[in-house]
Amino acid sequence: MILSGSKGFAAPAYNEIGQALRAAGLSSYLVHILSEDDLDAIARAPGPKARIAYYAQRLPAWTSAVQGVVAWLEDQPHHKGRVGILGISLGAQIASAASVGHDDVDALVLVDGGFPNGYSQAVRSLPPLLLIWGSADRTFPLSIGRELQRKAQQLGGPVTLAVYNGGAHDFFLRSRTRDAAAAHQSVADFLMSFLSR
């Protein structure tokens, strides 16, 4: 499952991500958690504090929707029994919140985003985790990625932090760039290693 950032799935890089996952033998689903109303409200928010307040208001519905999609996948006859979630920026926050306390998520990839405020204290376990971060991210600084890595290590689960030197917050979605392609391949390899067992 792929969860977008706050601008939705408009970036051409989402096609490239899907191609990398398919080439690895994985099925991928773009899960449109953010409605048109959400995208409009986020775009019109007067600043970061207003966006964060909006995210906090909508987070329960978004996480419930992700958990519903996971349950739906589990019920499909062609499903092979394992689910991975790739969340980018806001999608990473939604993915991390949706995976807290749910054993149905078998692998989690968070790109330049982590737990929403107040969620990390409730985490008792995590699925295998890949963190992908741009070293020059100003929206979610690398220190957040390092803290997530420490938290996951304390919980005892497998965790990898892949840092892309000079990468800005949106480096993962910059179509046809070397770092984005390398990061997409890293995601595909990680998910394949935990979902094909």
Foldseek 3Di string as FASTA:
>chain_A
DEEEALQADPFPCVVVLCVLQVVLVHHDDYDCLQDPVSSVQCVPQPDDVSNLVVCVVCLVVSLVVVLVVLVVLCPDPVRPQAAEYEAAASGQQSVQQNQAPDPRHQEYEYELYHHRPPRLVSHLAGHAYEYEYECAEPVRHCVNVVVVVVSNVVSPYHYYYHYDYRDYSCNLRPPPDPVVSVVSNVVSVVCCVRGVD
